[in-house]
Amino acid sequence: MFAAAQSPSTAFDVVCMTASLGGVSAYREILSALPDSFPAALVLVQHRPVREHDTLVKVLQYRSALPVRLLHDADRLTPGVVHVVPAGRTAAFSPEGTVTLHPADNHFAADPTFASAAAAFGPRLLVAVLTGRQHDGALGVRHVRGAGGRALAQDIATSEASGMPSAAMATGCIDFVLPLPVLAHALVSLVMVTGAAGMMRVSLPPWAAVIPPALVT
């Protein structure tokens, strides 16, 4: 099991987030609100072109009290570290937190990343779908809820583009839809406040269709 699971005081070992248009600003605001004692490993998927020099890590480091690192193949997730998935890649995880990178299919990197994280970490996974066009992440949140994890979405009013959060909301698998500043503080509460995750559990509507982790391929 992932090493962070040894701590019963934290509800989640891994927090995965995805964003596209407007995502860099959204990530910077969220990271600026996380304390340096934040115990979960974070994984960020940001849609962006593949370039020889990827500056996203440096941009995010400027506002983050947590270390920010670009993921590489065979890396292992580290609690309290922000891991950035490389452009044009998806991340797959073992239950021990070891990472394998794969080419992304037409910039849809969040769905397979969320699905793999759901299969690896189950109810110890928390995800968030932020601002962006199209619908990446919507299939992924169904895997997350099917594995017992939790899912948040940025609200439309604070999203530069509403496609991704709207598609995630339409699945019925989102626990909370929150303005960006509130979402950042919700991550802290859900991960760090003892008992908060249980008290803030929301039942799925009867029409929502989840995907059990056994169906992940």
Protein backbone atom coordinates (compact mmCIF):
# COMPACT_ATOMS: atom_id res chain seq x y z
CA MET A 1 0.00 0.00 0.00
CA PHE A 2 0.94 3.63 -0.52
CA ALA A 3 3.07 4.75 2.44
CA ALA A 4 0.75 7.60 3.46
CA ALA A 5 -2.03 5.12 4.21
CA GLN A 6 -0.21 4.26 7.41
CA SER A 7 -1.45 7.52 8.93
CA PRO A 8 -5.03 7.13 10.21
CA SER A 9 -5.31 10.89 10.81
CA THR A 10 -5.61 11.65 7.09
CA ALA A 11 -8.65 10.62 5.05
CA PHE A 12 -6.91 10.68 1.67
CA ASP A 13 -3.45 9.67 0.52
CA VAL A 14 -3.67 11.10 -3.01
CA VAL A 15 -5.38 14.18 -4.48
CA CYS A 16 -5.63 14.27 -8.29
CA MET A 17 -6.76 17.39 -10.13
CA THR A 18 -7.30 18.20 -13.78
CA ALA A 19 -7.69 21.46 -15.70
CA SER A 20 -7.35 22.94 -19.16
CA LEU A 21 -8.15 26.53 -20.18
CA GLY A 22 -7.62 28.74 -17.13
CA GLY A 23 -6.05 25.90 -15.23
CA VAL A 24 -2.66 27.45 -14.51
CA SER A 25 -4.24 30.34 -12.63
CA ALA A 26 -6.61 27.95 -10.85
CA TYR A 27 -3.76 25.70 -9.76
CA ARG A 28 -1.73 28.65 -8.53
CA GLU A 29 -4.63 29.85 -6.39
CA ILE A 30 -5.22 26.39 -4.93
CA LEU A 31 -1.56 25.72 -4.20
CA SER A 32 -1.16 29.09 -2.51
CA ALA A 33 -3.88 28.05 -0.04
CA LEU A 34 -2.32 24.69 0.89
CA PRO A 35 -0.09 24.67 3.98
CA ASP A 36 3.40 23.19 3.92
CA SER A 37 2.06 20.49 6.27
CA PHE A 38 -0.45 19.20 3.68
CA PRO A 39 0.05 15.43 3.98
CA ALA A 40 -1.36 13.98 0.76
CA ALA A 41 0.48 13.52 -2.51
CA LEU A 42 -0.97 15.76 -5.22
CA VAL A 43 -1.09 14.89 -8.93
CA LEU A 44 -1.90 17.67 -11.42
CA VAL A 45 -3.03 17.13 -15.02
CA GLN A 46 -2.90 20.33 -17.08
CA HIS A 47 -3.73 20.33 -20.80
CA ARG A 48 -0.91 22.11 -22.63
CA PRO A 49 1.22 21.70 -25.75
CA VAL A 50 4.27 19.46 -25.64
CA ARG A 51 7.35 21.69 -25.64
CA GLU A 52 11.07 21.10 -25.26
CA HIS A 53 11.11 23.24 -22.13
CA ASP A 54 8.04 22.85 -19.91
CA THR A 55 7.80 25.88 -17.62
CA LEU A 56 4.66 24.83 -15.71
CA VAL A 57 6.57 23.49 -12.69
CA LYS A 58 8.43 26.77 -12.24
CA VAL A 59 5.22 28.78 -12.61
CA LEU A 60 3.49 26.71 -9.93
CA GLN A 61 6.48 26.72 -7.58
CA TYR A 62 6.24 30.48 -7.26
CA ARG A 63 2.97 30.28 -5.28
CA SER A 64 3.32 26.90 -3.58
CA ALA A 65 4.53 26.18 -0.06
CA LEU A 66 4.81 22.54 -1.17
CA PRO A 67 7.56 21.28 -3.47
CA VAL A 68 6.46 20.95 -7.11
CA ARG A 69 8.05 18.31 -9.34
CA LEU A 70 7.57 17.03 -12.88
CA LEU A 71 6.66 13.34 -12.90
CA HIS A 72 8.98 10.88 -14.61
CA ASP A 73 8.47 7.25 -15.48
CA ALA A 74 9.05 4.95 -12.48
CA ASP A 75 8.80 7.82 -9.98
CA ARG A 76 6.98 7.13 -6.73
CA LEU A 77 4.39 9.49 -5.31
CA THR A 78 5.60 11.36 -2.24
CA PRO A 79 3.27 12.69 0.48
CA GLY A 80 3.28 16.48 0.67
CA VAL A 81 4.64 16.91 -2.86
CA VAL A 82 2.89 18.32 -5.95
CA HIS A 83 3.52 16.00 -8.92
CA VAL A 84 2.87 17.49 -12.39
CA VAL A 85 2.03 15.04 -15.18
CA PRO A 86 4.11 15.90 -18.28
CA ALA A 87 2.36 17.43 -21.28
CA GLY A 88 0.95 14.83 -23.64
CA ARG A 89 1.12 12.05 -21.05
CA THR A 90 -1.19 10.17 -18.71
CA ALA A 91 -0.12 8.64 -15.41
CA ALA A 92 -0.82 5.12 -14.19
CA PHE A 93 -0.23 4.06 -10.59
CA SER A 94 0.52 0.94 -8.62
CA PRO A 95 -0.99 0.57 -5.11
CA GLU A 96 2.49 1.41 -3.79
CA GLY A 97 2.40 4.75 -5.62
CA THR A 98 4.84 3.91 -8.41
CA VAL A 99 4.11 5.86 -11.59
CA THR A 100 4.11 4.73 -15.21
CA LEU A 101 3.65 7.33 -17.94
CA HIS A 102 1.79 6.69 -21.20
CA PRO A 103 1.03 8.83 -24.27
CA ALA A 104 -2.24 10.75 -23.91
CA ASP A 105 -5.04 10.21 -26.39
CA ASN A 106 -5.87 13.58 -27.98
CA HIS A 107 -5.16 15.54 -24.78
CA PHE A 108 -7.63 13.47 -22.75
CA ALA A 109 -5.18 12.77 -19.96
CA ALA A 110 -7.37 13.02 -16.86
CA ASP A 111 -9.78 10.14 -17.57
CA PRO A 112 -7.13 7.37 -17.65
CA THR A 113 -5.14 9.03 -14.86
CA PHE A 114 -8.19 9.22 -12.58
CA ALA A 115 -9.23 5.66 -13.49
CA SER A 116 -5.81 4.25 -12.66
CA ALA A 117 -5.64 6.21 -9.41
CA ALA A 118 -9.09 4.92 -8.47
CA ALA A 119 -8.03 1.31 -9.02
CA ALA A 120 -4.79 1.84 -7.07
CA PHE A 121 -6.00 3.93 -4.12
CA GLY A 122 -9.77 3.31 -3.88
CA PRO A 123 -11.47 5.29 -1.08
CA ARG A 124 -8.16 7.00 -0.21
CA LEU A 125 -8.40 9.08 -3.42
CA LEU A 126 -9.83 12.59 -3.75
CA VAL A 127 -10.12 14.25 -7.18
CA ALA A 128 -11.14 17.67 -8.48
CA VAL A 129 -12.18 18.76 -11.98
CA LEU A 130 -11.34 22.41 -12.62
CA THR A 131 -11.85 24.92 -15.41
CA GLY A 132 -11.47 23.68 -18.97
CA ARG A 133 -13.14 22.98 -22.30
CA GLN A 134 -14.49 19.64 -23.53
CA HIS A 135 -15.12 16.81 -21.07
CA ASP A 136 -11.88 15.29 -19.83
CA GLY A 137 -12.33 14.02 -16.27
CA ALA A 138 -16.03 13.14 -16.56
CA LEU A 139 -15.38 9.44 -17.20
CA GLY A 140 -12.65 9.49 -14.59
CA VAL A 141 -14.90 10.68 -11.76
CA ARG A 142 -17.20 7.71 -12.42
CA HIS A 143 -14.24 5.39 -11.79
CA VAL A 144 -13.33 7.34 -8.66
CA ARG A 145 -16.81 7.10 -7.15
CA GLY A 146 -17.03 3.45 -8.17
CA ALA A 147 -13.88 2.78 -6.15
CA GLY A 148 -15.22 4.64 -3.11
CA GLY A 149 -13.24 7.85 -3.64
CA ARG A 150 -14.55 11.41 -3.57
CA ALA A 151 -14.85 14.06 -6.31
CA LEU A 152 -15.12 17.85 -6.37
CA ALA A 153 -15.73 20.29 -9.23
CA GLN A 154 -15.07 24.00 -9.67
CA ASP A 155 -18.25 25.99 -10.10
CA ILE A 156 -19.15 27.62 -13.42
CA ALA A 157 -18.99 31.19 -12.11
CA THR A 158 -15.29 30.96 -11.25
CA SER A 159 -14.31 28.78 -14.23
CA GLU A 160 -12.72 30.42 -17.26
CA ALA A 161 -14.17 27.55 -19.33
CA SER A 162 -17.10 25.47 -18.11
CA GLY A 163 -16.91 22.36 -20.29
CA MET A 164 -14.87 20.08 -18.03
CA PRO A 165 -16.56 20.86 -14.70
CA SER A 166 -20.02 20.83 -16.33
CA ALA A 167 -19.38 17.40 -17.86
CA ALA A 168 -18.20 16.09 -14.50
CA MET A 169 -21.28 17.48 -12.75
CA ALA A 170 -23.55 15.86 -15.35
CA THR A 171 -22.36 12.40 -14.28
CA GLY A 172 -23.97 12.81 -10.85
CA CYS A 173 -20.68 11.65 -9.31
CA ILE A 174 -19.50 14.98 -7.91
CA ASP A 175 -19.71 15.38 -4.13
CA PHE A 176 -19.43 19.17 -4.05
CA VAL A 177 -19.43 21.99 -6.64
CA LEU A 178 -17.45 24.88 -5.15
CA PRO A 179 -16.07 28.30 -6.09
CA LEU A 180 -12.32 28.15 -6.57
CA PRO A 181 -11.30 29.80 -3.25
CA VAL A 182 -13.69 27.55 -1.32
CA LEU A 183 -12.50 24.47 -3.20
CA ALA A 184 -8.94 25.11 -2.07
CA HIS A 185 -10.00 25.26 1.58
CA ALA A 186 -12.22 22.19 1.12
CA LEU A 187 -9.15 20.20 0.10
CA VAL A 188 -7.46 21.18 3.34
CA SER A 189 -10.52 20.31 5.42
CA LEU A 190 -11.24 16.98 3.73
CA VAL A 191 -7.63 15.81 3.89
CA MET A 192 -6.44 17.28 7.19
CA VAL A 193 -9.40 17.70 9.54
CA THR A 194 -10.13 14.48 11.40
CA GLY A 195 -13.65 13.25 10.62
CA ALA A 196 -14.42 15.95 8.04
CA ALA A 197 -14.44 13.55 5.09
CA GLY A 198 -17.02 11.32 6.77
CA MET A 199 -19.26 14.20 7.80
CA MET A 200 -19.14 15.72 4.30
CA ARG A 201 -20.07 12.54 2.45
CA VAL A 202 -22.81 12.99 -0.18
CA SER A 203 -24.89 10.09 -1.51
CA LEU A 204 -25.01 9.48 -5.25
CA PRO A 205 -28.33 10.17 -7.00
CA PRO A 206 -30.05 6.97 -8.14
CA TRP A 207 -29.44 7.76 -11.80
CA ALA A 208 -25.67 8.20 -11.47
CA ALA A 209 -23.66 5.38 -13.06
CA VAL A 210 -20.31 4.59 -11.44
CA ILE A 211 -17.64 2.27 -12.82
CA PRO A 212 -16.25 -0.31 -10.38
CA PRO A 213 -12.45 -0.44 -10.34
CA ALA A 214 -12.49 -4.04 -11.60
CA LEU A 215 -13.56 -2.65 -15.00
CA VAL A 216 -10.47 -0.45 -15.34
CA THR A 217 -8.24 -1.68 -18.16
